[in-house]
Amino acid sequence: MSHALLHRPAWYVIGPLIGLVVVAAFALINERVGVVGGISDVVERATGRRPVLGWKAWFVFGIAGGAIVFRLLAGGATARTGHGFSWLTRELTGGGGQVIAGGVLLGAGVLIGFGAKKAAGCTSGNGLGGCSAGSPASLVATGTFMAVAIAVSFLIRAVT
């Protein structure tokens, strides 16, 4: 089982499956798929501003739960194959380096979350749900983060 989990399914398998999730959310509950809304649901429930968890919170729990199940089923196989965060974990190895890499990833996650909340949607919400609904704001947001991601990848390649 762990051997099968070492290889990512092809784009032509995952793409249509994600598309089905987006279409199902629109068709069944008339909602856009997004992760920031789920995190917001959890925070609002924890602070008492929401009486129950919404469906997006359970969506986030499913994503996190799926990652945990993957890790448990894959065992140590994924750690031994060198899967990581590309250049960051390759360059920052060892005890202190892993702490630095963890801090950088945590800080980046906080900044991404802050930006996504300010933009009223994350990459999944704007890129999948918003663009498929034809939202002009989502099209601009998705174009912006894609352009920045491409520019940063070229910058990283030039520097490293």
Protein backbone atom coordinates (compact mmCIF):
# COMPACT_ATOMS: atom_id res chain seq x y z
CA MET A 1 0.00 0.00 0.00
CA SER A 2 2.72 2.48 0.92
CA HIS A 3 4.40 1.98 -2.49
CA ALA A 4 1.24 3.09 -4.33
CA LEU A 5 1.11 6.27 -2.24
CA LEU A 6 4.56 7.39 -3.36
CA HIS A 7 3.36 8.36 -6.83
CA ARG A 8 1.01 11.25 -7.49
CA PRO A 9 -1.90 10.44 -9.79
CA ALA A 10 -1.71 12.03 -13.22
CA TRP A 11 -3.17 15.48 -13.84
CA TYR A 12 -5.85 13.99 -16.09
CA VAL A 13 -7.13 11.97 -13.12
CA ILE A 14 -6.91 14.63 -10.38
CA GLY A 15 -8.13 17.56 -12.52
CA PRO A 16 -11.50 16.04 -13.40
CA LEU A 17 -11.97 14.84 -9.81
CA ILE A 18 -11.41 18.35 -8.46
CA GLY A 19 -13.75 19.66 -11.16
CA LEU A 20 -16.43 17.23 -10.00
CA VAL A 21 -16.09 18.52 -6.43
CA VAL A 22 -16.50 22.12 -7.65
CA VAL A 23 -19.53 21.24 -9.79
CA ALA A 24 -21.07 19.17 -6.98
CA ALA A 25 -20.73 22.05 -4.51
CA PHE A 26 -22.46 24.40 -6.97
CA ALA A 27 -25.14 21.91 -7.97
CA LEU A 28 -26.00 20.48 -4.57
CA ILE A 29 -25.61 23.39 -2.15
CA ASN A 30 -25.06 26.44 -4.41
CA GLU A 31 -21.72 27.24 -2.71
CA ARG A 32 -18.16 27.84 -3.87
CA VAL A 33 -15.40 25.51 -2.71
CA GLY A 34 -12.72 27.18 -0.59
CA VAL A 35 -10.49 26.51 2.37
CA VAL A 36 -10.35 29.97 4.00
CA GLY A 37 -14.10 29.84 4.61
CA GLY A 38 -13.60 26.55 6.45
CA ILE A 39 -10.83 27.95 8.61
CA SER A 40 -13.03 30.97 9.33
CA ASP A 41 -15.89 28.63 10.34
CA VAL A 42 -13.62 26.85 12.80
CA VAL A 43 -12.30 30.11 14.29
CA GLU A 44 -15.80 31.59 14.56
CA ARG A 45 -17.09 28.43 16.25
CA ALA A 46 -14.13 28.35 18.67
CA THR A 47 -14.71 31.99 19.63
CA GLY A 48 -18.46 31.52 20.08
CA ARG A 49 -19.52 33.69 17.12
CA ARG A 50 -21.05 30.71 15.33
CA PRO A 51 -23.34 28.15 17.00
CA VAL A 52 -22.37 25.19 14.77
CA LEU A 53 -19.69 24.28 12.28
CA GLY A 54 -20.58 24.94 8.65
CA TRP A 55 -19.92 22.55 5.78
CA LYS A 56 -16.69 24.35 4.85
CA ALA A 57 -15.23 23.54 8.29
CA TRP A 58 -15.92 19.86 7.66
CA PHE A 59 -14.35 20.25 4.22
CA VAL A 60 -11.15 21.51 5.90
CA PHE A 61 -11.28 18.68 8.44
CA GLY A 62 -11.56 16.26 5.51
CA ILE A 63 -8.48 17.76 3.85
CA ALA A 64 -6.47 17.55 7.07
CA GLY A 65 -7.84 14.09 7.85
CA GLY A 66 -6.95 12.87 4.37
CA ALA A 67 -3.40 14.11 4.83
CA ILE A 68 -3.13 12.31 8.17
CA VAL A 69 -4.53 9.07 6.75
CA PHE A 70 -2.11 9.33 3.81
CA ARG A 71 0.84 9.78 6.17
CA LEU A 72 -0.25 6.87 8.37
CA LEU A 73 -0.79 4.55 5.40
CA ALA A 74 2.42 5.59 3.67
CA GLY A 75 4.45 5.11 6.83
CA GLY A 76 8.08 6.12 6.71
CA ALA A 77 8.22 5.62 2.94
CA THR A 78 7.38 9.24 2.16
CA ALA A 79 10.02 10.56 4.54
CA ARG A 80 12.73 8.38 3.00
CA THR A 81 12.01 9.43 -0.59
CA GLY A 82 12.88 13.05 0.04
CA HIS A 83 9.47 14.57 -0.53
CA GLY A 84 9.61 18.03 0.91
CA PHE A 85 9.18 21.65 0.04
CA SER A 86 11.67 21.75 -2.82
CA TRP A 87 14.72 23.94 -2.33
CA LEU A 88 13.73 25.03 1.17
CA THR A 89 14.03 21.63 2.79
CA ARG A 90 16.93 20.61 0.57
CA GLU A 91 18.98 23.64 1.59
CA LEU A 92 17.94 23.73 5.23
CA THR A 93 18.75 20.23 6.43
CA GLY A 94 19.86 19.12 9.86
CA GLY A 95 18.47 20.01 13.29
CA GLY A 96 18.67 23.81 13.18
CA GLY A 97 17.89 24.00 9.49
CA GLN A 98 14.66 22.06 9.90
CA VAL A 99 13.56 24.44 12.65
CA ILE A 100 14.29 27.40 10.35
CA ALA A 101 12.42 25.72 7.48
CA GLY A 102 9.47 25.06 9.80
CA GLY A 103 9.47 28.70 10.90
CA VAL A 104 9.62 29.95 7.33
CA LEU A 105 6.75 27.66 6.32
CA LEU A 106 4.69 28.68 9.37
CA GLY A 107 5.29 32.38 8.68
CA ALA A 108 4.44 31.92 5.01
CA GLY A 109 1.23 30.12 5.97
CA VAL A 110 0.20 32.95 8.30
CA LEU A 111 0.88 35.54 5.59
CA ILE A 112 -1.04 33.52 3.02
CA GLY A 113 -3.96 33.14 5.40
CA PHE A 114 -3.99 36.86 6.19
CA GLY A 115 -3.86 37.78 2.51
CA ALA A 116 -6.54 35.27 1.61
CA LYS A 117 -8.86 36.59 4.31
CA LYS A 118 -8.26 40.19 3.19
CA ALA A 119 -8.90 39.17 -0.44
CA ALA A 120 -12.15 37.46 0.60
CA GLY A 121 -10.97 34.12 -0.70
CA CYS A 122 -8.04 31.78 -1.04
CA THR A 123 -6.45 30.27 -4.11
CA SER A 124 -8.87 27.35 -4.07
CA GLY A 125 -11.91 29.56 -3.55
CA ASN A 126 -10.96 32.14 -6.17
CA GLY A 127 -9.19 29.80 -8.58
CA LEU A 128 -11.66 26.95 -8.58
CA GLY A 129 -14.99 28.27 -7.40
CA GLY A 130 -14.80 31.92 -8.40
CA CYS A 131 -13.29 31.48 -11.84
CA SER A 132 -15.69 28.67 -12.71
CA ALA A 133 -18.56 30.98 -11.72
CA GLY A 134 -17.12 33.73 -13.93
CA SER A 135 -16.45 36.16 -11.06
CA PRO A 136 -14.37 39.10 -12.37
CA ALA A 137 -12.78 39.59 -8.92
CA SER A 138 -11.76 35.92 -8.80
CA LEU A 139 -10.34 36.07 -12.31
CA VAL A 140 -8.20 39.09 -11.35
CA ALA A 141 -7.14 37.51 -8.04
CA THR A 142 -6.22 34.22 -9.70
CA GLY A 143 -4.31 35.98 -12.47
CA THR A 144 -2.44 38.03 -9.87
CA PHE A 145 -1.34 35.13 -7.68
CA MET A 146 -0.42 33.04 -10.71
CA ALA A 147 1.71 35.88 -12.12
CA VAL A 148 3.41 36.42 -8.75
CA ALA A 149 4.03 32.68 -8.35
CA ILE A 150 5.61 32.47 -11.80
CA ALA A 151 7.76 35.54 -11.15
CA VAL A 152 8.92 34.23 -7.78
CA SER A 153 9.76 30.83 -9.25
CA PHE A 154 11.96 32.52 -11.86
CA LEU A 155 13.54 34.62 -9.13
CA ILE A 156 14.29 31.57 -6.99
CA ARG A 157 15.75 29.75 -9.98
CA ALA A 158 17.98 32.73 -10.77
CA VAL A 159 19.18 33.06 -7.16
CA THR A 160 19.77 29.36 -6.39
